[in-house]
Amino acid sequence: MSESWCAWTTYRRIGEDFGYWTSGLPAIEDIGATGIADGGVWGQPFSYSELAHVVVPRTFYWESLTAAGQFESGLRSQDIDELSSRLSAAGVEHRATDLVLEIKLY
């Protein structure tokens, strides 16, 4: 079960099916100078120049099946206000609402 969640798409994916990938937020060690590293939480590399839209919800629903076969689920909150402050400090344009933080690059 992930402690975080986001969705993202690329310019190429917009042209194909406008689909989004979903996963936890990349770990600090996955964030590079030019993109997200291969094999991390996102599973493959993504150049920042390829990203078209990233959405981080304030809350998200999770579910998992434990090793004992028990089903667990719930809501988890993410501190998008803190993320917004860090993005602002880094000069990254974004929008934060009561529901989501989004970075639109298209």
PDB file of N, CA and C in Angstrom:
ATOM      1  N   MET A   1       0.851  -1.167   0.000  1.00  0.00           N
ATOM      2  CA  MET A   1       0.000   0.000   0.000  1.00  0.00           C
ATOM      3  C   MET A   1       0.896   1.229   0.000  1.00  0.00           C
ATOM      4  N   SER A   2       0.550   2.177  -0.832  1.00  0.00           N
ATOM      5  CA  SER A   2       1.366   3.370  -0.985  1.00  0.00           C
ATOM      6  C   SER A   2       0.981   4.422   0.044  1.00  0.00           C
ATOM      7  N   GLU A   3       1.983   5.152   0.510  1.00  0.00           N
ATOM      8  CA  GLU A   3       1.743   6.262   1.420  1.00  0.00           C
ATOM      9  C   GLU A   3       1.303   7.511   0.666  1.00  0.00           C
ATOM     10  N   SER A   4       1.474   7.500  -0.656  1.00  0.00           N
ATOM     11  CA  SER A   4       1.116   8.653  -1.479  1.00  0.00           C
ATOM     12  C   SER A   4       0.493   8.163  -2.785  1.00  0.00           C
ATOM     13  N   TRP A   5      -0.067   9.097  -3.536  1.00  0.00           N
ATOM     14  CA  TRP A   5      -0.680   8.735  -4.805  1.00  0.00           C
ATOM     15  C   TRP A   5      -0.704   9.951  -5.709  1.00  0.00           C
ATOM     16  N   CYS A   6      -0.538   9.704  -7.012  1.00  0.00           N
ATOM     17  CA  CYS A   6      -0.650  10.764  -8.009  1.00  0.00           C
ATOM     18  C   CYS A   6      -0.995  10.138  -9.355  1.00  0.00           C
ATOM     19  N   ALA A   7      -1.324  10.982 -10.310  1.00  0.00           N
ATOM     20  CA  ALA A   7      -1.583  10.558 -11.683  1.00  0.00           C
ATOM     21  C   ALA A   7      -0.807  11.494 -12.594  1.00  0.00           C
ATOM     22  N   TRP A   8      -0.343  10.977 -13.732  1.00  0.00           N
ATOM     23  CA  TRP A   8       0.404  11.809 -14.670  1.00  0.00           C
ATOM     24  C   TRP A   8       0.241  11.275 -16.081  1.00  0.00           C
ATOM     25  N   THR A   9       0.427  12.185 -17.023  1.00  0.00           N
ATOM     26  CA  THR A   9       0.408  11.811 -18.428  1.00  0.00           C
ATOM     27  C   THR A   9       1.518  12.558 -19.148  1.00  0.00           C
ATOM     28  N   THR A  10       1.826  12.087 -20.341  1.00  0.00           N
ATOM     29  CA  THR A  10       2.870  12.702 -21.160  1.00  0.00           C
ATOM     30  C   THR A  10       2.260  13.245 -22.445  1.00  0.00           C
ATOM     31  N   TYR A  11       3.032  14.075 -23.138  1.00  0.00           N
ATOM     32  CA  TYR A  11       2.557  14.608 -24.417  1.00  0.00           C
ATOM     33  C   TYR A  11       2.246  13.478 -25.400  1.00  0.00           C
ATOM     34  N   ARG A  12       3.096  12.472 -25.455  1.00  0.00           N
ATOM     35  CA  ARG A  12       2.861  11.355 -26.377  1.00  0.00           C
ATOM     36  C   ARG A  12       1.582  10.608 -26.013  1.00  0.00           C
ATOM     37  N   ARG A  13       1.370  10.382 -24.730  1.00  0.00           N
ATOM     38  CA  ARG A  13       0.172   9.664 -24.292  1.00  0.00           C
ATOM     39  C   ARG A  13      -1.090  10.467 -24.599  1.00  0.00           C
ATOM     40  N   ILE A  14      -1.022  11.789 -24.502  1.00  0.00           N
ATOM     41  CA  ILE A  14      -2.167  12.630 -24.865  1.00  0.00           C
ATOM     42  C   ILE A  14      -2.553  12.375 -26.323  1.00  0.00           C
ATOM     43  N   GLY A  15      -1.543  12.242 -27.186  1.00  0.00           N
ATOM     44  CA  GLY A  15      -1.806  11.997 -28.601  1.00  0.00           C
ATOM     45  C   GLY A  15      -2.309  10.604 -28.898  1.00  0.00           C
ATOM     46  N   GLU A  16      -2.055   9.645 -28.016  1.00  0.00           N
ATOM     47  CA  GLU A  16      -2.474   8.263 -28.246  1.00  0.00           C
ATOM     48  C   GLU A  16      -3.865   7.975 -27.684  1.00  0.00           C
ATOM     49  N   ASP A  17      -4.029   8.153 -26.376  1.00  0.00           N
ATOM     50  CA  ASP A  17      -5.314   7.804 -25.753  1.00  0.00           C
ATOM     51  C   ASP A  17      -5.694   8.697 -24.581  1.00  0.00           C
ATOM     52  N   PHE A  18      -4.905   9.702 -24.330  1.00  0.00           N
ATOM     53  CA  PHE A  18      -5.075  10.627 -23.211  1.00  0.00           C
ATOM     54  C   PHE A  18      -5.233   9.880 -21.893  1.00  0.00           C
ATOM     55  N   GLY A  19      -4.524   8.775 -21.769  1.00  0.00           N
ATOM     56  CA  GLY A  19      -4.555   8.014 -20.530  1.00  0.00           C
ATOM     57  C   GLY A  19      -3.569   8.560 -19.515  1.00  0.00           C
ATOM     58  N   TYR A  20      -3.767   8.148 -18.292  1.00  0.00           N
ATOM     59  CA  TYR A  20      -2.888   8.545 -17.187  1.00  0.00           C
ATOM     60  C   TYR A  20      -2.315   7.307 -16.525  1.00  0.00           C
ATOM     61  N   TRP A  21      -1.092   7.416 -16.035  1.00  0.00           N
ATOM     62  CA  TRP A  21      -0.524   6.414 -15.159  1.00  0.00           C
ATOM     63  C   TRP A  21      -0.865   6.838 -13.737  1.00  0.00           C
ATOM     64  N   THR A  22      -0.935   5.891 -12.817  1.00  0.00           N
ATOM     65  CA  THR A  22      -1.171   6.211 -11.409  1.00  0.00           C
ATOM     66  C   THR A  22      -0.214   5.412 -10.550  1.00  0.00           C
ATOM     67  N   SER A  23       0.269   6.054  -9.504  1.00  0.00           N
ATOM     68  CA  SER A  23       1.223   5.416  -8.613  1.00  0.00           C
ATOM     69  C   SER A  23       1.466   6.343  -7.434  1.00  0.00           C
ATOM     70  N   GLY A  24       2.305   5.886  -6.524  1.00  0.00           N
ATOM     71  CA  GLY A  24       2.753   6.763  -5.453  1.00  0.00           C
ATOM     72  C   GLY A  24       3.658   7.855  -6.013  1.00  0.00           C
ATOM     73  N   LEU A  25       3.893   8.870  -5.228  1.00  0.00           N
ATOM     74  CA  LEU A  25       4.827   9.920  -5.630  1.00  0.00           C
ATOM     75  C   LEU A  25       6.239   9.355  -5.674  1.00  0.00           C
ATOM     76  N   PRO A  26       7.059   9.815  -6.598  1.00  0.00           N
ATOM     77  CA  PRO A  26       8.444   9.323  -6.657  1.00  0.00           C
ATOM     78  C   PRO A  26       9.195   9.597  -5.356  1.00  0.00           C
ATOM     79  N   ALA A  27      10.066   8.676  -4.984  1.00  0.00           N
ATOM     80  CA  ALA A  27      10.922   8.859  -3.814  1.00  0.00           C
ATOM     81  C   ALA A  27      11.993   9.898  -4.143  1.00  0.00           C
ATOM     82  N   ILE A  28      12.545  10.521  -3.138  1.00  0.00           N
ATOM     83  CA  ILE A  28      13.588  11.543  -3.323  1.00  0.00           C
ATOM     84  C   ILE A  28      14.704  11.024  -4.219  1.00  0.00           C
ATOM     85  N   GLU A  29      15.122   9.789  -4.012  1.00  0.00           N
ATOM     86  CA  GLU A  29      16.228   9.237  -4.803  1.00  0.00           C
ATOM     87  C   GLU A  29      15.842   8.977  -6.264  1.00  0.00           C
ATOM     88  N   ASP A  30      14.552   8.990  -6.584  1.00  0.00           N
ATOM     89  CA  ASP A  30      14.088   8.800  -7.963  1.00  0.00           C
ATOM     90  C   ASP A  30      14.022  10.109  -8.742  1.00  0.00           C
ATOM     91  N   ILE A  31      14.127  11.233  -8.041  1.00  0.00           N
ATOM     92  CA  ILE A  31      13.994  12.549  -8.674  1.00  0.00           C
ATOM     93  C   ILE A  31      15.369  13.049  -9.087  1.00  0.00           C
ATOM     94  N   GLY A  32      15.567  13.166 -10.403  1.00  0.00           N
ATOM     95  CA  GLY A  32      16.851  13.606 -10.919  1.00  0.00           C
ATOM     96  C   GLY A  32      16.799  15.021 -11.465  1.00  0.00           C
ATOM     97  N   ALA A  33      17.903  15.473 -11.998  1.00  0.00           N
ATOM     98  CA  ALA A  33      17.994  16.825 -12.539  1.00  0.00           C
ATOM     99  C   ALA A  33      17.152  16.993 -13.800  1.00  0.00           C
ATOM    100  N   THR A  34      17.005  15.918 -14.590  1.00  0.00           N
ATOM    101  CA  THR A  34      16.286  16.035 -15.862  1.00  0.00           C
ATOM    102  C   THR A  34      15.027  15.177 -15.933  1.00  0.00           C
ATOM    103  N   GLY A  35      14.782  14.344 -14.907  1.00  0.00           N
ATOM    104  CA  GLY A  35      13.589  13.515 -14.953  1.00  0.00           C
ATOM    105  C   GLY A  35      13.512  12.524 -13.812  1.00  0.00           C
ATOM    106  N   ILE A  36      12.499  11.696 -13.858  1.00  0.00           N
ATOM    107  CA  ILE A  36      12.275  10.638 -12.878  1.00  0.00           C
ATOM    108  C   ILE A  36      13.058   9.411 -13.321  1.00  0.00           C
ATOM    109  N   ALA A  37      13.782   8.813 -12.401  1.00  0.00           N
ATOM    110  CA  ALA A  37      14.685   7.700 -12.706  1.00  0.00           C
ATOM    111  C   ALA A  37      13.932   6.419 -13.071  1.00  0.00           C
ATOM    112  N   ASP A  38      14.618   5.547 -13.762  1.00  0.00           N
ATOM    113  CA  ASP A  38      14.099   4.241 -14.153  1.00  0.00           C
ATOM    114  C   ASP A  38      14.008   3.323 -12.940  1.00  0.00           C
ATOM    115  N   GLY A  39      12.963   2.520 -12.875  1.00  0.00           N
ATOM    116  CA  GLY A  39      12.853   1.473 -11.873  1.00  0.00           C
ATOM    117  C   GLY A  39      12.347   1.907 -10.519  1.00  0.00           C
ATOM    118  N   GLY A  40      12.040   3.164 -10.319  1.00  0.00           N
ATOM    119  CA  GLY A  40      11.534   3.623  -9.030  1.00  0.00           C
ATOM    120  C   GLY A  40      10.051   3.364  -8.901  1.00  0.00           C
ATOM    121  N   VAL A  41       9.388   4.175  -8.122  1.00  0.00           N
ATOM    122  CA  VAL A  41       7.953   4.027  -7.883  1.00  0.00           C
ATOM    123  C   VAL A  41       7.161   4.097  -9.189  1.00  0.00           C
ATOM    124  N   TRP A  42       7.606   4.930 -10.132  1.00  0.00           N
ATOM    125  CA  TRP A  42       6.900   5.057 -11.399  1.00  0.00           C
ATOM    126  C   TRP A  42       7.247   3.944 -12.371  1.00  0.00           C
ATOM    127  N   GLY A  43       8.231   3.113 -12.054  1.00  0.00           N
ATOM    128  CA  GLY A  43       8.533   1.917 -12.839  1.00  0.00           C
ATOM    129  C   GLY A  43       9.345   2.121 -14.097  1.00  0.00           C
ATOM    130  N   GLN A  44       9.373   3.304 -14.633  1.00  0.00           N
ATOM    131  CA  GLN A  44      10.149   3.589 -15.840  1.00  0.00           C
ATOM    132  C   GLN A  44      10.576   5.050 -15.794  1.00  0.00           C
ATOM    133  N   PRO A  45      11.548   5.422 -16.589  1.00  0.00           N
ATOM    134  CA  PRO A  45      11.994   6.817 -16.557  1.00  0.00           C
ATOM    135  C   PRO A  45      11.027   7.739 -17.294  1.00  0.00           C
ATOM    136  N   PHE A  46      10.914   8.952 -16.798  1.00  0.00           N
ATOM    137  CA  PHE A  46      10.136  10.003 -17.448  1.00  0.00           C
ATOM    138  C   PHE A  46      10.960  11.275 -17.413  1.00  0.00           C
ATOM    139  N   SER A  47      11.265  11.803 -18.581  1.00  0.00           N
ATOM    140  CA  SER A  47      11.944  13.088 -18.675  1.00  0.00           C
ATOM    141  C   SER A  47      10.941  14.167 -18.299  1.00  0.00           C
ATOM    142  N   TYR A  48      11.397  15.193 -17.579  1.00  0.00           N
ATOM    143  CA  TYR A  48      10.490  16.278 -17.224  1.00  0.00           C
ATOM    144  C   TYR A  48       9.898  16.924 -18.465  1.00  0.00           C
ATOM    145  N   SER A  49      10.662  16.966 -19.548  1.00  0.00           N
ATOM    146  CA  SER A  49      10.165  17.585 -20.777  1.00  0.00           C
ATOM    147  C   SER A  49       9.042  16.767 -21.426  1.00  0.00           C
ATOM    148  N   GLU A  50       8.888  15.485 -21.054  1.00  0.00           N
ATOM    149  CA  GLU A  50       7.807  14.643 -21.562  1.00  0.00           C
ATOM    150  C   GLU A  50       6.510  14.831 -20.790  1.00  0.00           C
ATOM    151  N   LEU A  51       6.588  15.251 -19.528  1.00  0.00           N
ATOM    152  CA  LEU A  51       5.398  15.339 -18.684  1.00  0.00           C
ATOM    153  C   LEU A  51       4.489  16.477 -19.131  1.00  0.00           C
ATOM    154  N   ALA A  52       3.197  16.176 -19.255  1.00  0.00           N
ATOM    155  CA  ALA A  52       2.214  17.170 -19.657  1.00  0.00           C
ATOM    156  C   ALA A  52       1.305  17.586 -18.500  1.00  0.00           C
ATOM    157  N   HIS A  53       1.006  16.657 -17.591  1.00  0.00           N
ATOM    158  CA  HIS A  53       0.056  16.942 -16.509  1.00  0.00           C
ATOM    159  C   HIS A  53       0.328  15.992 -15.354  1.00  0.00           C
ATOM    160  N   VAL A  54       0.425  16.551 -14.158  1.00  0.00           N
ATOM    161  CA  VAL A  54       0.600  15.762 -12.935  1.00  0.00           C
ATOM    162  C   VAL A  54      -0.474  16.220 -11.953  1.00  0.00           C
ATOM    163  N   VAL A  55      -1.183  15.261 -11.364  1.00  0.00           N
ATOM    164  CA  VAL A  55      -2.261  15.559 -10.415  1.00  0.00           C
ATOM    165  C   VAL A  55      -1.990  14.821  -9.105  1.00  0.00           C
ATOM    166  N   VAL A  56      -2.035  15.561  -8.002  1.00  0.00           N
ATOM    167  CA  VAL A  56      -1.833  14.986  -6.665  1.00  0.00           C
ATOM    168  C   VAL A  56      -3.075  15.313  -5.844  1.00  0.00           C
ATOM    169  N   PRO A  57      -3.896  14.321  -5.504  1.00  0.00           N
ATOM    170  CA  PRO A  57      -5.111  14.598  -4.731  1.00  0.00           C
ATOM    171  C   PRO A  57      -4.804  14.843  -3.251  1.00  0.00           C
ATOM    172  N   ARG A  58      -5.641  15.644  -2.616  1.00  0.00           N
ATOM    173  CA  ARG A  58      -5.466  15.888  -1.174  1.00  0.00           C
ATOM    174  C   ARG A  58      -5.737  14.605  -0.383  1.00  0.00           C
ATOM    175  N   THR A  59      -6.733  13.826  -0.812  1.00  0.00           N
ATOM    176  CA  THR A  59      -7.015  12.529  -0.186  1.00  0.00           C
ATOM    177  C   THR A  59      -7.186  11.488  -1.287  1.00  0.00           C
ATOM    178  N   PHE A  60      -6.891  10.244  -0.959  1.00  0.00           N
ATOM    179  CA  PHE A  60      -7.088   9.166  -1.915  1.00  0.00           C
ATOM    180  C   PHE A  60      -7.513   7.901  -1.184  1.00  0.00           C
ATOM    181  N   TYR A  61      -8.227   7.046  -1.900  1.00  0.00           N
ATOM    182  CA  TYR A  61      -8.706   5.768  -1.383  1.00  0.00           C
ATOM    183  C   TYR A  61      -7.654   4.708  -1.665  1.00  0.00           C
ATOM    184  N   TRP A  62      -7.375   3.847  -0.704  1.00  0.00           N
ATOM    185  CA  TRP A  62      -6.432   2.750  -0.897  1.00  0.00           C
ATOM    186  C   TRP A  62      -7.101   1.447  -0.463  1.00  0.00           C
ATOM    187  N   GLU A  63      -6.590   0.365  -1.016  1.00  0.00           N
ATOM    188  CA  GLU A  63      -7.041  -0.962  -0.598  1.00  0.00           C
ATOM    189  C   GLU A  63      -5.902  -1.952  -0.801  1.00  0.00           C
ATOM    190  N   SER A  64      -5.881  -2.980   0.026  1.00  0.00           N
ATOM    191  CA  SER A  64      -4.852  -4.008  -0.111  1.00  0.00           C
ATOM    192  C   SER A  64      -5.335  -5.310   0.519  1.00  0.00           C
ATOM    193  N   LEU A  65      -4.693  -6.369   0.123  1.00  0.00           N
ATOM    194  CA  LEU A  65      -4.956  -7.693   0.671  1.00  0.00           C
ATOM    195  C   LEU A  65      -3.722  -8.073   1.486  1.00  0.00           C
ATOM    196  N   THR A  66      -3.889  -8.336   2.772  1.00  0.00           N
ATOM    197  CA  THR A  66      -2.760  -8.659   3.641  1.00  0.00           C
ATOM    198  C   THR A  66      -2.279 -10.084   3.374  1.00  0.00           C
ATOM    199  N   ALA A  67      -1.125 -10.415   3.912  1.00  0.00           N
ATOM    200  CA  ALA A  67      -0.571 -11.763   3.767  1.00  0.00           C
ATOM    201  C   ALA A  67      -1.510 -12.812   4.382  1.00  0.00           C
ATOM    202  N   ALA A  68      -2.297 -12.404   5.363  1.00  0.00           N
ATOM    203  CA  ALA A  68      -3.243 -13.314   6.020  1.00  0.00           C
ATOM    204  C   ALA A  68      -4.569 -13.406   5.258  1.00  0.00           C
ATOM    205  N   GLY A  69      -4.660 -12.745   4.103  1.00  0.00           N
ATOM    206  CA  GLY A  69      -5.869 -12.809   3.302  1.00  0.00           C
ATOM    207  C   GLY A  69      -6.960 -11.842   3.727  1.00  0.00           C
ATOM    208  N   GLN A  70      -6.617 -10.897   4.575  1.00  0.00           N
ATOM    209  CA  GLN A  70      -7.590  -9.902   5.027  1.00  0.00           C
ATOM    210  C   GLN A  70      -7.593  -8.708   4.073  1.00  0.00           C
ATOM    211  N   PHE A  71      -8.770  -8.211   3.742  1.00  0.00           N
ATOM    212  CA  PHE A  71      -8.920  -7.035   2.901  1.00  0.00           C
ATOM    213  C   PHE A  71      -8.938  -5.806   3.795  1.00  0.00           C
ATOM    214  N   GLU A  72      -8.110  -4.824   3.466  1.00  0.00           N
ATOM    215  CA  GLU A  72      -8.069  -3.565   4.195  1.00  0.00           C
ATOM    216  C   GLU A  72      -8.258  -2.427   3.214  1.00  0.00           C
ATOM    217  N   SER A  73      -8.881  -1.347   3.664  1.00  0.00           N
ATOM    218  CA  SER A  73      -9.067  -0.172   2.817  1.00  0.00           C
ATOM    219  C   SER A  73      -9.255   1.051   3.695  1.00  0.00           C
ATOM    220  N   GLY A  74      -9.155   2.222   3.059  1.00  0.00           N
ATOM    221  CA  GLY A  74      -9.372   3.454   3.802  1.00  0.00           C
ATOM    222  C   GLY A  74      -9.018   4.670   2.971  1.00  0.00           C
ATOM    223  N   LEU A  75      -9.072   5.815   3.607  1.00  0.00           N
ATOM    224  CA  LEU A  75      -8.685   7.069   2.985  1.00  0.00           C
ATOM    225  C   LEU A  75      -7.372   7.531   3.587  1.00  0.00           C
ATOM    226  N   ARG A  76      -6.549   8.119   2.767  1.00  0.00           N
ATOM    227  CA  ARG A  76      -5.277   8.654   3.225  1.00  0.00           C
ATOM    228  C   ARG A  76      -5.174  10.096   2.741  1.00  0.00           C
ATOM    229  N   SER A  77      -4.659  10.968   3.592  1.00  0.00           N
ATOM    230  CA  SER A  77      -4.474  12.378   3.245  1.00  0.00           C
ATOM    231  C   SER A  77      -3.040  12.640   2.830  1.00  0.00           C
ATOM    232  N   GLN A  78      -2.877  13.627   1.936  1.00  0.00           N
ATOM    233  CA  GLN A  78      -1.550  14.067   1.518  1.00  0.00           C
ATOM    234  C   GLN A  78      -1.460  15.573   1.775  1.00  0.00           C
ATOM    235  N   ASP A  79      -0.314  16.026   2.216  1.00  0.00           N
ATOM    236  CA  ASP A  79      -0.121  17.436   2.538  1.00  0.00           C
ATOM    237  C   ASP A  79       0.235  18.208   1.271  1.00  0.00           C
ATOM    238  N   ILE A  80      -0.795  18.526   0.473  1.00  0.00           N
ATOM    239  CA  ILE A  80      -0.513  19.237  -0.772  1.00  0.00           C
ATOM    240  C   ILE A  80      -0.198  20.710  -0.514  1.00  0.00           C
ATOM    241  N   ASP A  81      -0.543  21.216   0.670  1.00  0.00           N
ATOM    242  CA  ASP A  81      -0.164  22.587   1.002  1.00  0.00           C
ATOM    243  C   ASP A  81       1.355  22.685   1.149  1.00  0.00           C
ATOM    244  N   GLU A  82       1.945  21.713   1.801  1.00  0.00           N
ATOM    245  CA  GLU A  82       3.411  21.678   1.933  1.00  0.00           C
ATOM    246  C   GLU A  82       4.066  21.487   0.573  1.00  0.00           C
ATOM    247  N   LEU A  83       3.503  20.596  -0.232  1.00  0.00           N
ATOM    248  CA  LEU A  83       4.028  20.385  -1.580  1.00  0.00           C
ATOM    249  C   LEU A  83       3.936  21.669  -2.387  1.00  0.00           C
ATOM    250  N   SER A  84       2.841  22.373  -2.272  1.00  0.00           N
ATOM    251  CA  SER A  84       2.663  23.640  -2.977  1.00  0.00           C
ATOM    252  C   SER A  84       3.732  24.649  -2.548  1.00  0.00           C
ATOM    253  N   SER A  85       3.998  24.737  -1.260  1.00  0.00           N
ATOM    254  CA  SER A  85       5.032  25.656  -0.762  1.00  0.00           C
ATOM    255  C   SER A  85       6.397  25.313  -1.339  1.00  0.00           C
ATOM    256  N   ARG A  86       6.715  24.029  -1.384  1.00  0.00           N
ATOM    257  CA  ARG A  86       8.016  23.607  -1.923  1.00  0.00           C
ATOM    258  C   ARG A  86       8.115  23.869  -3.424  1.00  0.00           C
ATOM    259  N   LEU A  87       7.030  23.617  -4.151  1.00  0.00           N
ATOM    260  CA  LEU A  87       7.032  23.892  -5.583  1.00  0.00           C
ATOM    261  C   LEU A  87       7.178  25.389  -5.839  1.00  0.00           C
ATOM    262  N   SER A  88       6.480  26.202  -5.061  1.00  0.00           N
ATOM    263  CA  SER A  88       6.595  27.659  -5.205  1.00  0.00           C
ATOM    264  C   SER A  88       8.027  28.118  -4.951  1.00  0.00           C
ATOM    265  N   ALA A  89       8.647  27.584  -3.895  1.00  0.00           N
ATOM    266  CA  ALA A  89      10.026  27.952  -3.569  1.00  0.00           C
ATOM    267  C   ALA A  89      10.994  27.570  -4.679  1.00  0.00           C
ATOM    268  N   ALA A  90      10.656  26.488  -5.401  1.00  0.00           N
ATOM    269  CA  ALA A  90      11.511  26.025  -6.498  1.00  0.00           C
ATOM    270  C   ALA A  90      11.145  26.691  -7.826  1.00  0.00           C
ATOM    271  N   GLY A  91      10.132  27.545  -7.813  1.00  0.00           N
ATOM    272  CA  GLY A  91       9.738  28.241  -9.034  1.00  0.00           C
ATOM    273  C   GLY A  91       8.929  27.397 -10.000  1.00  0.00           C
ATOM    274  N   VAL A  92       8.275  26.347  -9.513  1.00  0.00           N
ATOM    275  CA  VAL A  92       7.470  25.470 -10.363  1.00  0.00           C
ATOM    276  C   VAL A  92       6.017  25.963 -10.351  1.00  0.00           C
ATOM    277  N   GLU A  93       5.515  26.342 -11.524  1.00  0.00           N
ATOM    278  CA  GLU A  93       4.135  26.798 -11.614  1.00  0.00           C
ATOM    279  C   GLU A  93       3.189  25.625 -11.376  1.00  0.00           C
ATOM    280  N   HIS A  94       2.150  25.865 -10.604  1.00  0.00           N
ATOM    281  CA  HIS A  94       1.171  24.832 -10.280  1.00  0.00           C
ATOM    282  C   HIS A  94      -0.095  25.500  -9.765  1.00  0.00           C
ATOM    283  N   ARG A  95      -1.114  24.690  -9.540  1.00  0.00           N
ATOM    284  CA  ARG A  95      -2.379  25.162  -8.985  1.00  0.00           C
ATOM    285  C   ARG A  95      -2.773  24.220  -7.861  1.00  0.00           C
ATOM    286  N   ALA A  96      -3.150  24.775  -6.729  1.00  0.00           N
ATOM    287  CA  ALA A  96      -3.622  23.968  -5.604  1.00  0.00           C
ATOM    288  C   ALA A  96      -5.044  24.398  -5.263  1.00  0.00           C
ATOM    289  N   THR A  97      -5.929  23.414  -5.104  1.00  0.00           N
ATOM    290  CA  THR A  97      -7.311  23.672  -4.726  1.00  0.00           C
ATOM    291  C   THR A  97      -7.605  22.892  -3.455  1.00  0.00           C
ATOM    292  N   ASP A  98      -8.846  22.917  -3.025  1.00  0.00           N
ATOM    293  CA  ASP A  98      -9.202  22.133  -1.847  1.00  0.00           C
ATOM    294  C   ASP A  98      -9.187  20.632  -2.137  1.00  0.00           C
ATOM    295  N   LEU A  99      -9.154  20.234  -3.427  1.00  0.00           N
ATOM    296  CA  LEU A  99      -9.160  18.819  -3.799  1.00  0.00           C
ATOM    297  C   LEU A  99      -7.826  18.294  -4.299  1.00  0.00           C
ATOM    298  N   VAL A 100      -7.122  19.084  -5.117  1.00  0.00           N
ATOM    299  CA  VAL A 100      -5.909  18.583  -5.776  1.00  0.00           C
ATOM    300  C   VAL A 100      -4.841  19.665  -5.911  1.00  0.00           C
ATOM    301  N   LEU A 101      -3.636  19.193  -6.152  1.00  0.00           N
ATOM    302  CA  LEU A 101      -2.548  20.036  -6.647  1.00  0.00           C
ATOM    303  C   LEU A 101      -2.257  19.531  -8.037  1.00  0.00           C
ATOM    304  N   GLU A 102      -2.134  20.453  -8.979  1.00  0.00           N
ATOM    305  CA  GLU A 102      -1.836  20.011 -10.337  1.00  0.00           C
ATOM    306  C   GLU A 102      -0.776  20.881 -10.976  1.00  0.00           C
ATOM    307  N   ILE A 103       0.009  20.215 -11.785  1.00  0.00           N
ATOM    308  CA  ILE A 103       1.022  20.877 -12.585  1.00  0.00           C
ATOM    309  C   ILE A 103       0.638  20.617 -14.039  1.00  0.00           C
ATOM    310  N   LYS A 104       0.271  21.696 -14.737  1.00  0.00           N
ATOM    311  CA  LYS A 104      -0.114  21.596 -16.147  1.00  0.00           C
ATOM    312  C   LYS A 104       1.028  22.138 -16.982  1.00  0.00           C
ATOM    313  N   LEU A 105       1.501  21.345 -17.902  1.00  0.00           N
ATOM    314  CA  LEU A 105       2.616  21.751 -18.753  1.00  0.00           C
ATOM    315  C   LEU A 105       2.208  21.799 -20.207  1.00  0.00           C
ATOM    316  N   TYR A 106       0.929  21.665 -20.499  1.00  0.00           N
ATOM    317  CA  TYR A 106       0.445  21.683 -21.873  1.00  0.00           C
ATOM    318  C   TYR A 106      -0.342  22.938 -22.143  1.00  0.00           C
TER     319      TYR A 106
END
